Amino acid sequence: MGEIQLKPEYVLQVGNILISNAFFTSVITTAILILVAALLGKSLKGVFGTSTGQLVAEFIFQPLWNLCYQVLGDATLARRAFPFIATFFVFIITANWIEVLPGFLGALYVHAENGANLSLFRSPSTDLNTTLALGLVSVGFTQVIAMQVLGPKAFFLRIVNIRKPIQTLAGILEFMSEFSKIFSFAFRLFGNMFAGGVLLLVTGFLVPYIIPLPFMVLEIFVGFIQALVFALLSLMFIKAASSHG
């Protein structure tokens, strides 16, 4: 059984750059998603239900579009947000589910210089660096959308308005609260997925057969819920930031 660590686990080195197993897995996940997207893209005909690829794409993305439209309540705003929300959801759910693949956890180990055995693969969602990056991108994208909808002048007047000192104070406090959203995104996703990964690793080591199956099913469910929550919260923050109130 390998070491269980909260900190990044560096398993590869390219020149002077150290690569963690979570980042390595993120690259693999991204490559898989790009390949699947390319294969699905070739089969899209623009007509519902005309091919297997079309059906798969509709099954995945139609509910996400419905979610965007229902939460935001505006088709134009939903079209702006949908590509990013769909990307968040698909990447996070893939990163969450990849750890339940047979042989993923504890399949290959790298012997570190300090004597620890580090897994070559690690779910990206169990690394705080990855979840912080996702939270940062989500909050940053929310501000970009808000600026596009409100316009640069109205966007900055919500933060700093010399004629209305009270509104300026409230705007500055609201702007500072955006940083708390980053940490909220990061620690929610990280905490749930790291705990699940540890549970799978420990049960798989102690009782390799049958017993881990219920926990794997639970982890699949939790992985889906966490991806959905991330997407839903991003949409709610976009709606709040884009309102003219």
C-alpha atoms as a PDB file:
ATOM      1  CA  MET A   1       0.000   0.000   0.000  1.00  0.00           C
ATOM      2  CA  GLY A   2       1.343   3.430  -0.948  1.00  0.00           C
ATOM      3  CA  GLU A   3       1.628   6.536   1.169  1.00  0.00           C
ATOM      4  CA  ILE A   4      -1.457   8.719   1.723  1.00  0.00           C
ATOM      5  CA  GLN A   5      -0.491  12.385   1.620  1.00  0.00           C
ATOM      6  CA  LEU A   6      -2.355  15.672   1.521  1.00  0.00           C
ATOM      7  CA  LYS A   7       0.496  17.515  -0.157  1.00  0.00           C
ATOM      8  CA  PRO A   8       1.329  17.133  -3.870  1.00  0.00           C
ATOM      9  CA  GLU A   9       3.178  13.929  -4.730  1.00  0.00           C
ATOM     10  CA  TYR A  10       5.856  14.526  -7.354  1.00  0.00           C
ATOM     11  CA  VAL A  11       6.425  11.402  -9.400  1.00  0.00           C
ATOM     12  CA  LEU A  12       7.979  12.690 -12.633  1.00  0.00           C
ATOM     13  CA  GLN A  13      10.555  15.249 -13.642  1.00  0.00           C
ATOM     14  CA  VAL A  14      10.907  16.948 -17.021  1.00  0.00           C
ATOM     15  CA  GLY A  15      14.083  18.997 -16.985  1.00  0.00           C
ATOM     16  CA  ASN A  16      13.882  21.118 -13.840  1.00  0.00           C
ATOM     17  CA  ILE A  17      10.107  20.851 -13.632  1.00  0.00           C
ATOM     18  CA  LEU A  18       8.560  18.456 -11.126  1.00  0.00           C
ATOM     19  CA  ILE A  19       5.239  16.894 -12.117  1.00  0.00           C
ATOM     20  CA  SER A  20       2.805  15.603  -9.523  1.00  0.00           C
ATOM     21  CA  ASN A  21       0.742  12.488 -10.036  1.00  0.00           C
ATOM     22  CA  ALA A  22      -2.449  14.588  -9.904  1.00  0.00           C
ATOM     23  CA  PHE A  23      -1.200  16.847 -12.688  1.00  0.00           C
ATOM     24  CA  PHE A  24      -0.067  13.821 -14.685  1.00  0.00           C
ATOM     25  CA  THR A  25      -3.540  12.319 -14.323  1.00  0.00           C
ATOM     26  CA  SER A  26      -5.091  15.675 -15.290  1.00  0.00           C
ATOM     27  CA  VAL A  27      -3.125  15.623 -18.533  1.00  0.00           C
ATOM     28  CA  ILE A  28      -4.297  12.079 -19.258  1.00  0.00           C
ATOM     29  CA  THR A  29      -7.892  13.036 -18.420  1.00  0.00           C
ATOM     30  CA  THR A  30      -7.732  16.068 -20.704  1.00  0.00           C
ATOM     31  CA  ALA A  31      -6.263  14.006 -23.546  1.00  0.00           C
ATOM     32  CA  ILE A  32      -9.038  11.422 -23.188  1.00  0.00           C
ATOM     33  CA  LEU A  33     -11.723  14.114 -23.232  1.00  0.00           C
ATOM     34  CA  ILE A  34     -10.199  15.783 -26.300  1.00  0.00           C
ATOM     35  CA  LEU A  35     -10.113  12.439 -28.108  1.00  0.00           C
ATOM     36  CA  VAL A  36     -13.727  11.657 -27.188  1.00  0.00           C
ATOM     37  CA  ALA A  37     -14.816  15.159 -28.226  1.00  0.00           C
ATOM     38  CA  ALA A  38     -13.069  14.760 -31.594  1.00  0.00           C
ATOM     39  CA  LEU A  39     -14.751  11.398 -32.197  1.00  0.00           C
ATOM     40  CA  LEU A  40     -18.160  12.735 -31.193  1.00  0.00           C
ATOM     41  CA  GLY A  41     -17.653  15.852 -33.274  1.00  0.00           C
ATOM     42  CA  LYS A  42     -17.245  13.809 -36.447  1.00  0.00           C
ATOM     43  CA  SER A  43     -20.638  12.181 -35.949  1.00  0.00           C
ATOM     44  CA  LEU A  44     -22.626  15.350 -35.196  1.00  0.00           C
ATOM     45  CA  LYS A  45     -25.088  16.078 -37.977  1.00  0.00           C
ATOM     46  CA  GLY A  46     -27.083  18.915 -36.479  1.00  0.00           C
ATOM     47  CA  VAL A  47     -30.239  16.797 -36.431  1.00  0.00           C
ATOM     48  CA  PHE A  48     -31.392  15.195 -33.185  1.00  0.00           C
ATOM     49  CA  GLY A  49     -30.940  11.443 -32.867  1.00  0.00           C
ATOM     50  CA  THR A  50     -29.311  10.849 -36.252  1.00  0.00           C
ATOM     51  CA  SER A  51     -26.281   8.876 -35.039  1.00  0.00           C
ATOM     52  CA  THR A  52     -24.826   7.155 -31.998  1.00  0.00           C
ATOM     53  CA  GLY A  53     -22.425  10.025 -31.404  1.00  0.00           C
ATOM     54  CA  GLN A  54     -25.275  12.497 -31.699  1.00  0.00           C
ATOM     55  CA  LEU A  55     -27.306  10.582 -29.124  1.00  0.00           C
ATOM     56  CA  VAL A  56     -24.361  10.434 -26.714  1.00  0.00           C
ATOM     57  CA  ALA A  57     -23.715  14.170 -27.081  1.00  0.00           C
ATOM     58  CA  GLU A  58     -27.389  14.948 -26.520  1.00  0.00           C
ATOM     59  CA  PHE A  59     -27.531  12.660 -23.479  1.00  0.00           C
ATOM     60  CA  ILE A  60     -24.593  14.482 -21.877  1.00  0.00           C
ATOM     61  CA  PHE A  61     -25.085  18.088 -22.906  1.00  0.00           C
ATOM     62  CA  GLN A  62     -28.846  18.581 -23.270  1.00  0.00           C
ATOM     63  CA  PRO A  63     -29.447  18.337 -19.486  1.00  0.00           C
ATOM     64  CA  LEU A  64     -26.537  20.725 -18.920  1.00  0.00           C
ATOM     65  CA  TRP A  65     -28.037  23.222 -21.353  1.00  0.00           C
ATOM     66  CA  ASN A  66     -31.418  22.902 -19.646  1.00  0.00           C
ATOM     67  CA  LEU A  67     -29.724  23.530 -16.296  1.00  0.00           C
ATOM     68  CA  CYS A  68     -27.965  26.651 -17.618  1.00  0.00           C
ATOM     69  CA  TYR A  69     -31.152  28.047 -19.102  1.00  0.00           C
ATOM     70  CA  GLN A  70     -33.319  27.305 -16.060  1.00  0.00           C
ATOM     71  CA  VAL A  71     -30.859  28.826 -13.579  1.00  0.00           C
ATOM     72  CA  LEU A  72     -29.891  31.895 -15.605  1.00  0.00           C
ATOM     73  CA  GLY A  73     -33.322  32.469 -17.123  1.00  0.00           C
ATOM     74  CA  ASP A  74     -31.891  34.126 -20.233  1.00  0.00           C
ATOM     75  CA  ALA A  75     -30.982  32.343 -23.452  1.00  0.00           C
ATOM     76  CA  THR A  76     -28.220  34.790 -24.417  1.00  0.00           C
ATOM     77  CA  LEU A  77     -26.547  34.561 -21.022  1.00  0.00           C
ATOM     78  CA  ALA A  78     -26.981  30.786 -21.020  1.00  0.00           C
ATOM     79  CA  ARG A  79     -25.240  30.532 -24.408  1.00  0.00           C
ATOM     80  CA  ARG A  80     -22.292  32.501 -23.021  1.00  0.00           C
ATOM     81  CA  ALA A  81     -21.998  30.392 -19.899  1.00  0.00           C
ATOM     82  CA  PHE A  82     -22.816  26.958 -21.313  1.00  0.00           C
ATOM     83  CA  PRO A  83     -19.423  26.057 -22.911  1.00  0.00           C
ATOM     84  CA  PHE A  84     -17.563  26.787 -19.678  1.00  0.00           C
ATOM     85  CA  ILE A  85     -20.129  25.172 -17.381  1.00  0.00           C
ATOM     86  CA  ALA A  86     -20.214  22.055 -19.559  1.00  0.00           C
ATOM     87  CA  THR A  87     -16.404  21.930 -19.572  1.00  0.00           C
ATOM     88  CA  PHE A  88     -16.285  22.236 -15.784  1.00  0.00           C
ATOM     89  CA  PHE A  89     -18.840  19.487 -15.317  1.00  0.00           C
ATOM     90  CA  VAL A  90     -17.351  17.010 -17.815  1.00  0.00           C
ATOM     91  CA  PHE A  91     -13.779  17.496 -16.595  1.00  0.00           C
ATOM     92  CA  ILE A  92     -14.650  17.286 -12.895  1.00  0.00           C
ATOM     93  CA  ILE A  93     -16.890  14.238 -13.217  1.00  0.00           C
ATOM     94  CA  THR A  94     -14.241  12.466 -15.308  1.00  0.00           C
ATOM     95  CA  ALA A  95     -11.540  13.394 -12.793  1.00  0.00           C
ATOM     96  CA  ASN A  96     -13.776  12.148  -9.970  1.00  0.00           C
ATOM     97  CA  TRP A  97     -14.749   8.870 -11.627  1.00  0.00           C
ATOM     98  CA  ILE A  98     -11.332   7.943 -12.938  1.00  0.00           C
ATOM     99  CA  GLU A  99     -10.254   6.754  -9.497  1.00  0.00           C
ATOM    100  CA  VAL A 100     -12.813   3.931  -9.493  1.00  0.00           C
ATOM    101  CA  LEU A 101     -11.407   2.371 -12.665  1.00  0.00           C
ATOM    102  CA  PRO A 102      -9.967  -1.105 -12.016  1.00  0.00           C
ATOM    103  CA  GLY A 103      -6.272  -0.861 -11.233  1.00  0.00           C
ATOM    104  CA  PHE A 104      -6.207   2.925 -11.023  1.00  0.00           C
ATOM    105  CA  LEU A 105      -5.561   3.199  -7.290  1.00  0.00           C
ATOM    106  CA  GLY A 106      -2.477   1.288  -6.271  1.00  0.00           C
ATOM    107  CA  ALA A 107      -1.726  -0.043  -9.739  1.00  0.00           C
ATOM    108  CA  LEU A 108       1.655   1.572 -10.362  1.00  0.00           C
ATOM    109  CA  TYR A 109       3.998   3.071  -7.803  1.00  0.00           C
ATOM    110  CA  VAL A 110       7.014   5.334  -7.974  1.00  0.00           C
ATOM    111  CA  HIS A 111       9.708   5.017  -5.325  1.00  0.00           C
ATOM    112  CA  ALA A 112      10.463   8.509  -4.000  1.00  0.00           C
ATOM    113  CA  GLU A 113      13.855   9.655  -2.719  1.00  0.00           C
ATOM    114  CA  ASN A 114      12.549   9.766   0.868  1.00  0.00           C
ATOM    115  CA  GLY A 115      11.632   6.083   0.662  1.00  0.00           C
ATOM    116  CA  ALA A 116       7.885   6.577   0.217  1.00  0.00           C
ATOM    117  CA  ASN A 117       5.921   4.658  -2.389  1.00  0.00           C
ATOM    118  CA  LEU A 118       3.875   7.151  -4.408  1.00  0.00           C
ATOM    119  CA  SER A 119       1.097   6.160  -6.765  1.00  0.00           C
ATOM    120  CA  LEU A 120       1.776   7.157 -10.364  1.00  0.00           C
ATOM    121  CA  PHE A 121      -1.888   8.122 -10.740  1.00  0.00           C
ATOM    122  CA  ARG A 122      -4.039  10.263  -8.474  1.00  0.00           C
ATOM    123  CA  SER A 123      -7.478  11.728  -9.021  1.00  0.00           C
ATOM    124  CA  PRO A 124      -7.002  15.441  -9.845  1.00  0.00           C
ATOM    125  CA  SER A 125      -9.859  16.321  -7.479  1.00  0.00           C
ATOM    126  CA  THR A 126      -7.889  14.934  -4.524  1.00  0.00           C
ATOM    127  CA  ASP A 127      -5.122  17.511  -5.010  1.00  0.00           C
ATOM    128  CA  LEU A 128      -5.847  20.922  -3.477  1.00  0.00           C
ATOM    129  CA  ASN A 129      -3.806  22.653  -6.185  1.00  0.00           C
ATOM    130  CA  THR A 130      -6.199  21.374  -8.854  1.00  0.00           C
ATOM    131  CA  THR A 131      -9.363  22.323  -6.982  1.00  0.00           C
ATOM    132  CA  LEU A 132      -7.971  25.783  -6.181  1.00  0.00           C
ATOM    133  CA  ALA A 133      -7.217  26.274  -9.874  1.00  0.00           C
ATOM    134  CA  LEU A 134     -10.757  25.219 -10.799  1.00  0.00           C
ATOM    135  CA  GLY A 135     -12.218  27.611  -8.229  1.00  0.00           C
ATOM    136  CA  LEU A 136     -10.011  30.447  -9.470  1.00  0.00           C
ATOM    137  CA  VAL A 137     -11.051  29.864 -13.085  1.00  0.00           C
ATOM    138  CA  SER A 138     -14.730  29.682 -12.145  1.00  0.00           C
ATOM    139  CA  VAL A 139     -14.693  32.933 -10.145  1.00  0.00           C
ATOM    140  CA  GLY A 140     -12.568  34.673 -12.788  1.00  0.00           C
ATOM    141  CA  PHE A 141     -14.915  33.559 -15.548  1.00  0.00           C
ATOM    142  CA  THR A 142     -17.880  34.820 -13.515  1.00  0.00           C
ATOM    143  CA  GLN A 143     -16.350  38.310 -13.450  1.00  0.00           C
ATOM    144  CA  VAL A 144     -15.659  38.208 -17.185  1.00  0.00           C
ATOM    145  CA  ILE A 145     -19.276  37.312 -17.918  1.00  0.00           C
ATOM    146  CA  ALA A 146     -20.498  40.044 -15.563  1.00  0.00           C
ATOM    147  CA  MET A 147     -18.338  42.627 -17.312  1.00  0.00           C
ATOM    148  CA  GLN A 148     -19.659  41.534 -20.720  1.00  0.00           C
ATOM    149  CA  VAL A 149     -23.283  41.725 -19.577  1.00  0.00           C
ATOM    150  CA  LEU A 150     -23.113  44.934 -17.530  1.00  0.00           C
ATOM    151  CA  GLY A 151     -20.437  46.717 -19.512  1.00  0.00           C
ATOM    152  CA  PRO A 152     -17.053  47.832 -18.108  1.00  0.00           C
ATOM    153  CA  LYS A 153     -18.389  51.107 -16.649  1.00  0.00           C
ATOM    154  CA  ALA A 154     -21.331  49.592 -14.786  1.00  0.00           C
ATOM    155  CA  PHE A 155     -19.174  46.666 -13.656  1.00  0.00           C
ATOM    156  CA  PHE A 156     -16.554  48.887 -12.007  1.00  0.00           C
ATOM    157  CA  LEU A 157     -19.160  51.272 -10.585  1.00  0.00           C
ATOM    158  CA  ARG A 158     -20.554  48.319  -8.637  1.00  0.00           C
ATOM    159  CA  ILE A 159     -17.182  48.093  -6.884  1.00  0.00           C
ATOM    160  CA  VAL A 160     -16.081  51.741  -6.675  1.00  0.00           C
ATOM    161  CA  ASN A 161     -18.556  54.621  -6.872  1.00  0.00           C
ATOM    162  CA  ILE A 162     -17.156  57.905  -5.522  1.00  0.00           C
ATOM    163  CA  ARG A 163     -20.599  59.506  -5.434  1.00  0.00           C
ATOM    164  CA  LYS A 164     -21.972  56.751  -3.199  1.00  0.00           C
ATOM    165  CA  PRO A 165     -19.461  55.899  -0.427  1.00  0.00           C
ATOM    166  CA  ILE A 166     -21.759  53.328   1.216  1.00  0.00           C
ATOM    167  CA  GLN A 167     -22.219  51.524  -2.094  1.00  0.00           C
ATOM    168  CA  THR A 168     -18.450  51.644  -2.619  1.00  0.00           C
ATOM    169  CA  LEU A 169     -17.844  50.032   0.771  1.00  0.00           C
ATOM    170  CA  ALA A 170     -20.409  47.339   0.009  1.00  0.00           C
ATOM    171  CA  GLY A 171     -18.886  46.798  -3.431  1.00  0.00           C
ATOM    172  CA  ILE A 172     -15.375  46.388  -2.003  1.00  0.00           C
ATOM    173  CA  LEU A 173     -16.636  43.901   0.581  1.00  0.00           C
ATOM    174  CA  GLU A 174     -18.480  42.005  -2.141  1.00  0.00           C
ATOM    175  CA  PHE A 175     -15.342  41.960  -4.281  1.00  0.00           C
ATOM    176  CA  MET A 176     -13.325  40.586  -1.368  1.00  0.00           C
ATOM    177  CA  SER A 177     -15.953  37.890  -0.856  1.00  0.00           C
ATOM    178  CA  GLU A 178     -15.104  36.573  -4.318  1.00  0.00           C
ATOM    179  CA  PHE A 179     -11.864  35.209  -2.866  1.00  0.00           C
ATOM    180  CA  SER A 180     -13.820  33.233  -0.283  1.00  0.00           C
ATOM    181  CA  LYS A 181     -15.749  31.619  -3.150  1.00  0.00           C
ATOM    182  CA  ILE A 182     -12.473  30.291  -4.556  1.00  0.00           C
ATOM    183  CA  PHE A 183     -11.662  28.543  -1.286  1.00  0.00           C
ATOM    184  CA  SER A 184     -15.253  27.354  -0.910  1.00  0.00           C
ATOM    185  CA  PHE A 185     -15.099  25.692  -4.335  1.00  0.00           C
ATOM    186  CA  ALA A 186     -11.675  24.224  -3.669  1.00  0.00           C
ATOM    187  CA  PHE A 187     -12.152  22.755  -0.197  1.00  0.00           C
ATOM    188  CA  ARG A 188     -15.643  21.380  -0.870  1.00  0.00           C
ATOM    189  CA  LEU A 189     -14.512  19.390  -3.897  1.00  0.00           C
ATOM    190  CA  PHE A 190     -11.144  18.442  -2.406  1.00  0.00           C
ATOM    191  CA  GLY A 191     -12.509  17.319   0.956  1.00  0.00           C
ATOM    192  CA  ASN A 192     -15.207  15.054  -0.439  1.00  0.00           C
ATOM    193  CA  MET A 193     -13.066  13.425  -3.112  1.00  0.00           C
ATOM    194  CA  PHE A 194      -9.936  13.029  -0.969  1.00  0.00           C
ATOM    195  CA  ALA A 195     -11.940  11.289   1.762  1.00  0.00           C
ATOM    196  CA  GLY A 196     -13.502   8.976  -0.820  1.00  0.00           C
ATOM    197  CA  GLY A 197     -10.131   8.184  -2.379  1.00  0.00           C
ATOM    198  CA  VAL A 198      -8.636   7.277   0.999  1.00  0.00           C
ATOM    199  CA  LEU A 199     -11.633   5.062   1.766  1.00  0.00           C
ATOM    200  CA  LEU A 200     -11.279   3.203  -1.541  1.00  0.00           C
ATOM    201  CA  LEU A 201      -7.538   2.796  -1.096  1.00  0.00           C
ATOM    202  CA  VAL A 202      -7.805   1.459   2.460  1.00  0.00           C
ATOM    203  CA  THR A 203     -10.703  -0.925   1.794  1.00  0.00           C
ATOM    204  CA  GLY A 204      -9.069  -2.139  -1.411  1.00  0.00           C
ATOM    205  CA  PHE A 205      -5.875  -2.905   0.484  1.00  0.00           C
ATOM    206  CA  LEU A 206      -7.533  -4.627   3.440  1.00  0.00           C
ATOM    207  CA  VAL A 207     -10.267  -6.519   1.575  1.00  0.00           C
ATOM    208  CA  PRO A 208      -9.499  -6.518  -2.172  1.00  0.00           C
ATOM    209  CA  TYR A 209     -12.661  -8.316  -3.310  1.00  0.00           C
ATOM    210  CA  ILE A 210     -16.428  -7.689  -3.010  1.00  0.00           C
ATOM    211  CA  ILE A 211     -16.307  -5.393   0.050  1.00  0.00           C
ATOM    212  CA  PRO A 212     -15.018  -2.305  -1.857  1.00  0.00           C
ATOM    213  CA  LEU A 213     -17.853  -2.508  -4.428  1.00  0.00           C
ATOM    214  CA  PRO A 214     -20.491  -0.618  -2.363  1.00  0.00           C
ATOM    215  CA  PHE A 215     -17.925   2.088  -1.623  1.00  0.00           C
ATOM    216  CA  MET A 216     -17.108   2.357  -5.331  1.00  0.00           C
ATOM    217  CA  VAL A 217     -20.799   2.843  -6.135  1.00  0.00           C
ATOM    218  CA  LEU A 218     -21.009   5.493  -3.406  1.00  0.00           C
ATOM    219  CA  GLU A 219     -17.914   7.222  -4.798  1.00  0.00           C
ATOM    220  CA  ILE A 220     -19.468   7.294  -8.274  1.00  0.00           C
ATOM    221  CA  PHE A 221     -22.570   8.947  -6.824  1.00  0.00           C
ATOM    222  CA  VAL A 222     -20.521  11.453  -4.784  1.00  0.00           C
ATOM    223  CA  GLY A 223     -18.366  12.236  -7.823  1.00  0.00           C
ATOM    224  CA  PHE A 224     -21.466  13.074  -9.861  1.00  0.00           C
ATOM    225  CA  ILE A 225     -22.976  15.202  -7.088  1.00  0.00           C
ATOM    226  CA  GLN A 226     -19.757  17.170  -6.593  1.00  0.00           C
ATOM    227  CA  ALA A 227     -19.454  17.911 -10.323  1.00  0.00           C
ATOM    228  CA  LEU A 228     -23.105  18.980 -10.425  1.00  0.00           C
ATOM    229  CA  VAL A 229     -22.735  21.181  -7.333  1.00  0.00           C
ATOM    230  CA  PHE A 230     -19.664  22.874  -8.813  1.00  0.00           C
ATOM    231  CA  ALA A 231     -21.534  23.620 -12.050  1.00  0.00           C
ATOM    232  CA  LEU A 232     -24.681  24.761 -10.240  1.00  0.00           C
ATOM    233  CA  LEU A 233     -22.833  27.097  -7.867  1.00  0.00           C
ATOM    234  CA  SER A 234     -20.912  28.574 -10.806  1.00  0.00           C
ATOM    235  CA  LEU A 235     -24.223  29.288 -12.556  1.00  0.00           C
ATOM    236  CA  MET A 236     -25.726  30.882  -9.454  1.00  0.00           C
ATOM    237  CA  PHE A 237     -22.679  33.143  -9.013  1.00  0.00           C
ATOM    238  CA  ILE A 238     -22.856  34.102 -12.706  1.00  0.00           C
ATOM    239  CA  LYS A 239     -26.524  35.020 -12.332  1.00  0.00           C
ATOM    240  CA  ALA A 240     -25.868  37.098  -9.204  1.00  0.00           C
ATOM    241  CA  ALA A 241     -22.864  38.886 -10.712  1.00  0.00           C
ATOM    242  CA  SER A 242     -24.695  39.618 -13.987  1.00  0.00           C
ATOM    243  CA  SER A 243     -27.818  41.091 -12.404  1.00  0.00           C
ATOM    244  CA  HIS A 244     -28.408  44.808 -12.826  1.00  0.00           C
ATOM    245  CA  GLY A 245     -29.646  45.225  -9.269  1.00  0.00           C
END
